Amino acid sequence: MTDRNPQTEANKRWQQNNKERAKYLSNRSRARSFIRNQAELDDLEELKQLISERESNLKG
């Protein structure tokens, strides 16, 4: 017999119904975790450049 947590079940339903948003949130979380915990100086320099380019593209 397995006990199912109603909140866990609700989370699973939300993820199934919001796949794109769930993917976005997961990717954002992984990126932040990488920057905080694993990135080295050269990684951070490259990311700064990529961020600058992305900002320029979004601003038009």
PDB file of N, CA and C in Angstrom:
ATOM      1  N   MET A   1       0.834  -1.177   0.000  1.00  0.00           N
ATOM      2  CA  MET A   1       0.000   0.000   0.000  1.00  0.00           C
ATOM      3  C   MET A   1       0.887   1.252   0.000  1.00  0.00           C
ATOM      4  N   THR A   2       0.583   2.188  -0.889  1.00  0.00           N
ATOM      5  CA  THR A   2       1.367   3.412  -0.959  1.00  0.00           C
ATOM      6  C   THR A   2       0.522   4.590  -0.520  1.00  0.00           C
ATOM      7  N   ASP A   3       1.116   5.421   0.314  1.00  0.00           N
ATOM      8  CA  ASP A   3       0.441   6.646   0.747  1.00  0.00           C
ATOM      9  C   ASP A   3       0.804   7.746  -0.242  1.00  0.00           C
ATOM     10  N   ARG A   4      -0.189   8.377  -0.814  1.00  0.00           N
ATOM     11  CA  ARG A   4       0.054   9.449  -1.762  1.00  0.00           C
ATOM     12  C   ARG A   4      -0.226  10.782  -1.109  1.00  0.00           C
ATOM     13  N   ASN A   5       0.742  11.638  -1.214  1.00  0.00           N
ATOM     14  CA  ASN A   5       0.617  12.980  -0.679  1.00  0.00           C
ATOM     15  C   ASN A   5      -0.218  13.806  -1.664  1.00  0.00           C
ATOM     16  N   PRO A   6      -1.301  14.411  -1.208  1.00  0.00           N
ATOM     17  CA  PRO A   6      -2.143  15.203  -2.119  1.00  0.00           C
ATOM     18  C   PRO A   6      -1.387  16.356  -2.777  1.00  0.00           C
ATOM     19  N   GLN A   7      -0.448  16.963  -2.055  1.00  0.00           N
ATOM     20  CA  GLN A   7       0.318  18.063  -2.646  1.00  0.00           C
ATOM     21  C   GLN A   7       1.210  17.555  -3.761  1.00  0.00           C
ATOM     22  N   THR A   8       1.821  16.394  -3.580  1.00  0.00           N
ATOM     23  CA  THR A   8       2.662  15.802  -4.620  1.00  0.00           C
ATOM     24  C   THR A   8       1.838  15.497  -5.862  1.00  0.00           C
ATOM     25  N   GLU A   9       0.659  14.969  -5.651  1.00  0.00           N
ATOM     26  CA  GLU A   9      -0.225  14.669  -6.779  1.00  0.00           C
ATOM     27  C   GLU A   9      -0.643  15.958  -7.500  1.00  0.00           C
ATOM     28  N   ALA A  10      -0.935  16.988  -6.745  1.00  0.00           N
ATOM     29  CA  ALA A  10      -1.308  18.277  -7.340  1.00  0.00           C
ATOM     30  C   ALA A  10      -0.146  18.856  -8.133  1.00  0.00           C
ATOM     31  N   ASN A  11       1.070  18.724  -7.601  1.00  0.00           N
ATOM     32  CA  ASN A  11       2.256  19.211  -8.318  1.00  0.00           C
ATOM     33  C   ASN A  11       2.431  18.479  -9.640  1.00  0.00           C
ATOM     34  N   LYS A  12       2.237  17.180  -9.627  1.00  0.00           N
ATOM     35  CA  LYS A  12       2.357  16.389 -10.855  1.00  0.00           C
ATOM     36  C   LYS A  12       1.318  16.818 -11.885  1.00  0.00           C
ATOM     37  N   ARG A  13       0.098  17.045 -11.431  1.00  0.00           N
ATOM     38  CA  ARG A  13      -0.958  17.507 -12.347  1.00  0.00           C
ATOM     39  C   ARG A  13      -0.607  18.864 -12.942  1.00  0.00           C
ATOM     40  N   TRP A  14      -0.105  19.765 -12.084  1.00  0.00           N
ATOM     41  CA  TRP A  14       0.265  21.096 -12.572  1.00  0.00           C
ATOM     42  C   TRP A  14       1.353  20.988 -13.637  1.00  0.00           C
ATOM     43  N   GLN A  15       2.372  20.154 -13.377  1.00  0.00           N
ATOM     44  CA  GLN A  15       3.459  19.988 -14.343  1.00  0.00           C
ATOM     45  C   GLN A  15       2.956  19.412 -15.655  1.00  0.00           C
ATOM     46  N   GLN A  16       2.024  18.484 -15.608  1.00  0.00           N
ATOM     47  CA  GLN A  16       1.458  17.912 -16.824  1.00  0.00           C
ATOM     48  C   GLN A  16       0.659  18.945 -17.611  1.00  0.00           C
ATOM     49  N   ASN A  17      -0.027  19.828 -16.893  1.00  0.00           N
ATOM     50  CA  ASN A  17      -0.862  20.829 -17.547  1.00  0.00           C
ATOM     51  C   ASN A  17      -0.101  22.082 -17.958  1.00  0.00           C
ATOM     52  N   ASN A  18       1.119  22.235 -17.484  1.00  0.00           N
ATOM     53  CA  ASN A  18       1.922  23.440 -17.749  1.00  0.00           C
ATOM     54  C   ASN A  18       3.348  23.050 -18.131  1.00  0.00           C
ATOM     55  N   LYS A  19       3.479  22.197 -19.129  1.00  0.00           N
ATOM     56  CA  LYS A  19       4.786  21.640 -19.474  1.00  0.00           C
ATOM     57  C   LYS A  19       5.816  22.699 -19.843  1.00  0.00           C
ATOM     58  N   GLU A  20       5.428  23.676 -20.639  1.00  0.00           N
ATOM     59  CA  GLU A  20       6.383  24.706 -21.045  1.00  0.00           C
ATOM     60  C   GLU A  20       6.841  25.545 -19.853  1.00  0.00           C
ATOM     61  N   ARG A  21       5.920  25.940 -18.995  1.00  0.00           N
ATOM     62  CA  ARG A  21       6.281  26.736 -17.826  1.00  0.00           C
ATOM     63  C   ARG A  21       7.147  25.921 -16.868  1.00  0.00           C
ATOM     64  N   ALA A  22       6.814  24.658 -16.683  1.00  0.00           N
ATOM     65  CA  ALA A  22       7.601  23.779 -15.809  1.00  0.00           C
ATOM     66  C   ALA A  22       9.025  23.626 -16.354  1.00  0.00           C
ATOM     67  N   LYS A  23       9.144  23.496 -17.672  1.00  0.00           N
ATOM     68  CA  LYS A  23      10.462  23.373 -18.305  1.00  0.00           C
ATOM     69  C   LYS A  23      11.263  24.661 -18.103  1.00  0.00           C
ATOM     70  N   TYR A  24      10.610  25.807 -18.289  1.00  0.00           N
ATOM     71  CA  TYR A  24      11.259  27.102 -18.080  1.00  0.00           C
ATOM     72  C   TYR A  24      11.778  27.213 -16.653  1.00  0.00           C
ATOM     73  N   LEU A  25      10.931  26.898 -15.678  1.00  0.00           N
ATOM     74  CA  LEU A  25      11.321  27.012 -14.274  1.00  0.00           C
ATOM     75  C   LEU A  25      12.463  26.058 -13.920  1.00  0.00           C
ATOM     76  N   SER A  26      12.424  24.867 -14.478  1.00  0.00           N
ATOM     77  CA  SER A  26      13.486  23.897 -14.227  1.00  0.00           C
ATOM     78  C   SER A  26      14.817  24.379 -14.808  1.00  0.00           C
ATOM     79  N   ASN A  27      14.771  24.874 -16.037  1.00  0.00           N
ATOM     80  CA  ASN A  27      15.990  25.382 -16.675  1.00  0.00           C
ATOM     81  C   ASN A  27      16.560  26.571 -15.912  1.00  0.00           C
ATOM     82  N   ARG A  28      15.700  27.467 -15.468  1.00  0.00           N
ATOM     83  CA  ARG A  28      16.137  28.639 -14.717  1.00  0.00           C
ATOM     84  C   ARG A  28      16.800  28.208 -13.414  1.00  0.00           C
ATOM     85  N   SER A  29      16.210  27.252 -12.748  1.00  0.00           N
ATOM     86  CA  SER A  29      16.761  26.754 -11.493  1.00  0.00           C
ATOM     87  C   SER A  29      18.136  26.119 -11.699  1.00  0.00           C
ATOM     88  N   ARG A  30      18.267  25.325 -12.761  1.00  0.00           N
ATOM     89  CA  ARG A  30      19.560  24.690 -13.044  1.00  0.00           C
ATOM     90  C   ARG A  30      20.629  25.718 -13.378  1.00  0.00           C
ATOM     91  N   ALA A  31      20.248  26.752 -14.144  1.00  0.00           N
ATOM     92  CA  ALA A  31      21.212  27.795 -14.503  1.00  0.00           C
ATOM     93  C   ALA A  31      21.698  28.528 -13.256  1.00  0.00           C
ATOM     94  N   ARG A  32      20.782  28.888 -12.380  1.00  0.00           N
ATOM     95  CA  ARG A  32      21.160  29.588 -11.151  1.00  0.00           C
ATOM     96  C   ARG A  32      22.045  28.717 -10.271  1.00  0.00           C
ATOM     97  N   SER A  33      21.700  27.458 -10.171  1.00  0.00           N
ATOM     98  CA  SER A  33      22.485  26.534  -9.357  1.00  0.00           C
ATOM     99  C   SER A  33      23.897  26.396  -9.921  1.00  0.00           C
ATOM    100  N   PHE A  34      24.018  26.294 -11.237  1.00  0.00           N
ATOM    101  CA  PHE A  34      25.339  26.194 -11.865  1.00  0.00           C
ATOM    102  C   PHE A  34      26.174  27.429 -11.549  1.00  0.00           C
ATOM    103  N   ILE A  35      25.576  28.598 -11.704  1.00  0.00           N
ATOM    104  CA  ILE A  35      26.305  29.840 -11.457  1.00  0.00           C
ATOM    105  C   ILE A  35      26.747  29.918 -10.005  1.00  0.00           C
ATOM    106  N   ARG A  36      25.873  29.585  -9.086  1.00  0.00           N
ATOM    107  CA  ARG A  36      26.187  29.695  -7.658  1.00  0.00           C
ATOM    108  C   ARG A  36      27.198  28.654  -7.176  1.00  0.00           C
ATOM    109  N   ASN A  37      27.119  27.443  -7.729  1.00  0.00           N
ATOM    110  CA  ASN A  37      27.856  26.333  -7.120  1.00  0.00           C
ATOM    111  C   ASN A  37      29.000  25.760  -7.935  1.00  0.00           C
ATOM    112  N   GLN A  38      29.003  25.947  -9.249  1.00  0.00           N
ATOM    113  CA  GLN A  38      30.002  25.256 -10.049  1.00  0.00           C
ATOM    114  C   GLN A  38      30.787  26.137 -11.009  1.00  0.00           C
ATOM    115  N   ALA A  39      30.221  27.252 -11.413  1.00  0.00           N
ATOM    116  CA  ALA A  39      30.857  28.074 -12.433  1.00  0.00           C
ATOM    117  C   ALA A  39      32.226  28.563 -11.982  1.00  0.00           C
ATOM    118  N   GLU A  40      33.159  28.513 -12.913  1.00  0.00           N
ATOM    119  CA  GLU A  40      34.482  29.056 -12.681  1.00  0.00           C
ATOM    120  C   GLU A  40      34.559  30.415 -13.349  1.00  0.00           C
ATOM    121  N   LEU A  41      35.650  31.105 -13.146  1.00  0.00           N
ATOM    122  CA  LEU A  41      35.784  32.474 -13.637  1.00  0.00           C
ATOM    123  C   LEU A  41      35.567  32.564 -15.149  1.00  0.00           C
ATOM    124  N   ASP A  42      36.148  31.648 -15.909  1.00  0.00           N
ATOM    125  CA  ASP A  42      35.972  31.698 -17.364  1.00  0.00           C
ATOM    126  C   ASP A  42      34.525  31.426 -17.763  1.00  0.00           C
ATOM    127  N   ASP A  43      33.837  30.581 -17.019  1.00  0.00           N
ATOM    128  CA  ASP A  43      32.408  30.340 -17.273  1.00  0.00           C
ATOM    129  C   ASP A  43      31.618  31.626 -17.059  1.00  0.00           C
ATOM    130  N   LEU A  44      31.924  32.328 -15.968  1.00  0.00           N
ATOM    131  CA  LEU A  44      31.200  33.552 -15.649  1.00  0.00           C
ATOM    132  C   LEU A  44      31.437  34.629 -16.698  1.00  0.00           C
ATOM    133  N   GLU A  45      32.661  34.725 -17.205  1.00  0.00           N
ATOM    134  CA  GLU A  45      32.957  35.702 -18.257  1.00  0.00           C
ATOM    135  C   GLU A  45      32.153  35.385 -19.526  1.00  0.00           C
ATOM    136  N   GLU A  46      32.096  34.117 -19.888  1.00  0.00           N
ATOM    137  CA  GLU A  46      31.322  33.730 -21.061  1.00  0.00           C
ATOM    138  C   GLU A  46      29.836  34.005 -20.853  1.00  0.00           C
ATOM    139  N   LEU A  47      29.335  33.701 -19.676  1.00  0.00           N
ATOM    140  CA  LEU A  47      27.925  33.941 -19.382  1.00  0.00           C
ATOM    141  C   LEU A  47      27.586  35.429 -19.427  1.00  0.00           C
ATOM    142  N   LYS A  48      28.494  36.271 -18.943  1.00  0.00           N
ATOM    143  CA  LYS A  48      28.273  37.717 -19.009  1.00  0.00           C
ATOM    144  C   LYS A  48      28.092  38.162 -20.457  1.00  0.00           C
ATOM    145  N   GLN A  49      28.928  37.641 -21.339  1.00  0.00           N
ATOM    146  CA  GLN A  49      28.837  37.991 -22.755  1.00  0.00           C
ATOM    147  C   GLN A  49      27.521  37.500 -23.348  1.00  0.00           C
ATOM    148  N   LEU A  50      27.140  36.276 -23.036  1.00  0.00           N
ATOM    149  CA  LEU A  50      25.880  35.731 -23.537  1.00  0.00           C
ATOM    150  C   LEU A  50      24.686  36.529 -23.024  1.00  0.00           C
ATOM    151  N   ILE A  51      24.736  36.939 -21.773  1.00  0.00           N
ATOM    152  CA  ILE A  51      23.655  37.736 -21.190  1.00  0.00           C
ATOM    153  C   ILE A  51      23.560  39.080 -21.895  1.00  0.00           C
ATOM    154  N   SER A  52      24.695  39.693 -22.134  1.00  0.00           N
ATOM    155  CA  SER A  52      24.707  40.990 -22.822  1.00  0.00           C
ATOM    156  C   SER A  52      24.095  40.868 -24.219  1.00  0.00           C
ATOM    157  N   GLU A  53      24.465  39.827 -24.948  1.00  0.00           N
ATOM    158  CA  GLU A  53      23.913  39.603 -26.284  1.00  0.00           C
ATOM    159  C   GLU A  53      22.409  39.356 -26.225  1.00  0.00           C
ATOM    160  N   ARG A  54      21.977  38.572 -25.260  1.00  0.00           N
ATOM    161  CA  ARG A  54      20.548  38.279 -25.116  1.00  0.00           C
ATOM    162  C   ARG A  54      19.769  39.539 -24.773  1.00  0.00           C
ATOM    163  N   GLU A  55      20.306  40.364 -23.899  1.00  0.00           N
ATOM    164  CA  GLU A  55      19.641  41.623 -23.554  1.00  0.00           C
ATOM    165  C   GLU A  55      19.485  42.508 -24.795  1.00  0.00           C
ATOM    166  N   SER A  56      20.527  42.582 -25.601  1.00  0.00           N
ATOM    167  CA  SER A  56      20.466  43.384 -26.818  1.00  0.00           C
ATOM    168  C   SER A  56      19.400  42.865 -27.761  1.00  0.00           C
ATOM    169  N   ASN A  57      19.311  41.558 -27.904  1.00  0.00           N
ATOM    170  CA  ASN A  57      18.295  40.948 -28.778  1.00  0.00           C
ATOM    171  C   ASN A  57      16.883  41.219 -28.279  1.00  0.00           C
ATOM    172  N   LEU A  58      16.688  41.174 -26.982  1.00  0.00           N
ATOM    173  CA  LEU A  58      15.358  41.388 -26.421  1.00  0.00           C
ATOM    174  C   LEU A  58      14.930  42.858 -26.502  1.00  0.00           C
ATOM    175  N   LYS A  59      15.901  43.743 -26.393  1.00  0.00           N
ATOM    176  CA  LYS A  59      15.581  45.174 -26.464  1.00  0.00           C
ATOM    177  C   LYS A  59      15.287  45.629 -27.889  1.00  0.00           C
ATOM    178  N   GLY A  60      15.709  44.813 -28.849  1.00  0.00           N
ATOM    179  CA  GLY A  60      15.404  45.127 -30.240  1.00  0.00           C
ATOM    180  C   GLY A  60      16.496  45.808 -30.895  1.00  0.00           C
TER     181      GLY A  60
END
